[in-house]
């Protein structure tokens, strides 16, 4: 499902001018509104260690919830660059 509002949500997710919590809240909506484009668009946020950990956490969880192989692969790759606590959270989400 791709809705016109998906572009606006994507702009919030990728926009540096929005605060971390607003971006984190928009991430899950983006993965639902634009399922096909979300893994590629969010992958850069996930891999970017300069991004706030809270944002990367939200990206990882949203990608895992999307149940797409490409998205899961990005989370697995990113696991080596996040703290143990986040690795555990992602692993638990991956398993469920």
Protein backbone atom coordinates (compact mmCIF):
# COMPACT_ATOMS: atom_id res chain seq x y z
CA UNK A 1 0.00 0.00 0.00
CA UNK A 2 1.50 3.30 -1.04
CA UNK A 3 -0.38 6.42 -0.01
CA UNK A 4 0.49 10.05 -0.83
CA UNK A 5 0.98 10.72 2.88
CA UNK A 6 3.86 8.23 2.73
CA UNK A 7 6.07 10.91 1.17
CA UNK A 8 5.36 13.26 4.05
CA UNK A 9 6.10 10.58 6.63
CA UNK A 10 9.31 9.70 4.77
CA UNK A 11 10.36 13.36 4.94
CA UNK A 12 9.92 13.32 8.73
CA UNK A 13 11.86 10.09 9.10
CA UNK A 14 14.78 11.24 6.98
CA UNK A 15 14.68 14.92 7.96
CA UNK A 16 17.35 16.16 10.31
CA UNK A 17 15.18 19.17 11.22
CA UNK A 18 12.79 16.98 13.22
CA UNK A 19 13.56 15.81 16.74
CA UNK A 20 14.53 12.22 17.41
CA UNK A 21 11.24 11.19 19.02
CA UNK A 22 9.16 12.57 16.13
CA UNK A 23 11.35 10.72 13.67
CA UNK A 24 11.21 7.52 15.71
CA UNK A 25 7.42 7.70 15.84
CA UNK A 26 7.21 8.19 12.08
CA UNK A 27 9.45 5.23 11.28
CA UNK A 28 6.87 2.53 11.94
CA UNK A 29 4.23 4.42 9.95
CA UNK A 30 6.66 4.74 7.06
CA UNK A 31 7.32 0.99 6.99
CA UNK A 32 3.57 0.38 6.76
CA UNK A 33 2.75 3.15 4.26
CA UNK A 34 5.59 2.42 1.85
CA UNK A 35 6.54 -1.19 2.45
CA UNK A 36 8.56 -1.54 -0.74
CA UNK A 37 10.76 1.54 -0.27
CA UNK A 38 11.18 1.48 3.50
CA UNK A 39 14.01 -1.07 3.83
CA UNK A 40 16.29 0.76 1.40
CA UNK A 41 15.45 4.20 2.78
CA UNK A 42 15.84 3.17 6.40
CA UNK A 43 18.96 1.12 5.84
CA UNK A 44 21.13 4.21 5.67
CA UNK A 45 19.79 5.42 9.03
CA UNK A 46 20.37 2.04 10.57
CA UNK A 47 23.99 1.84 9.44
CA UNK A 48 24.84 5.45 10.32
CA UNK A 49 26.53 5.42 13.74
CA UNK A 50 26.18 9.21 13.95
CA UNK A 51 22.40 8.86 14.21
CA UNK A 52 20.96 8.82 17.74
CA UNK A 53 20.75 5.33 19.21
CA UNK A 54 17.04 5.81 19.94
CA UNK A 55 16.43 6.42 16.25
CA UNK A 56 18.49 3.42 15.17
CA UNK A 57 16.62 1.28 17.70
CA UNK A 58 13.27 2.34 16.23
CA UNK A 59 14.50 1.66 12.70
CA UNK A 60 15.68 -1.82 13.61
CA UNK A 61 12.45 -2.77 15.33
CA UNK A 62 10.31 -1.39 12.50
CA UNK A 63 12.34 -3.24 9.90
CA UNK A 64 12.02 -6.49 11.84
CA UNK A 65 8.27 -5.98 12.22
CA UNK A 66 7.96 -5.52 8.45
CA UNK A 67 8.90 -9.20 8.05
CA UNK A 68 10.87 -8.64 4.86
CA UNK A 69 14.06 -10.58 4.20
CA UNK A 70 15.98 -7.53 2.96
CA UNK A 71 14.98 -5.58 6.05
CA UNK A 72 16.02 -8.39 8.38
CA UNK A 73 19.37 -8.61 6.63
CA UNK A 74 20.02 -4.93 7.27
CA UNK A 75 19.29 -5.36 10.97
CA UNK A 76 21.63 -8.34 11.22
CA UNK A 77 24.38 -6.33 9.54
CA UNK A 78 23.83 -3.39 11.88
CA UNK A 79 24.00 -5.53 15.02
CA UNK A 80 27.78 -5.29 15.20
CA UNK A 81 27.62 -1.50 15.48
CA UNK A 82 25.10 -1.17 18.33
CA UNK A 83 25.35 -1.79 22.08
CA UNK A 84 24.56 -5.20 23.55
CA UNK A 85 21.23 -4.01 25.00
CA UNK A 86 20.01 -3.13 21.53
CA UNK A 87 21.35 -6.35 20.04
CA UNK A 88 19.30 -8.28 22.58
CA UNK A 89 16.15 -6.24 21.87
CA UNK A 90 16.51 -6.82 18.14
CA UNK A 91 17.27 -10.51 18.59
CA UNK A 92 14.16 -10.95 20.73
CA UNK A 93 12.06 -9.15 18.13
CA UNK A 94 13.65 -11.22 15.36
CA UNK A 95 12.73 -14.41 17.16
CA UNK A 96 9.09 -13.49 17.86
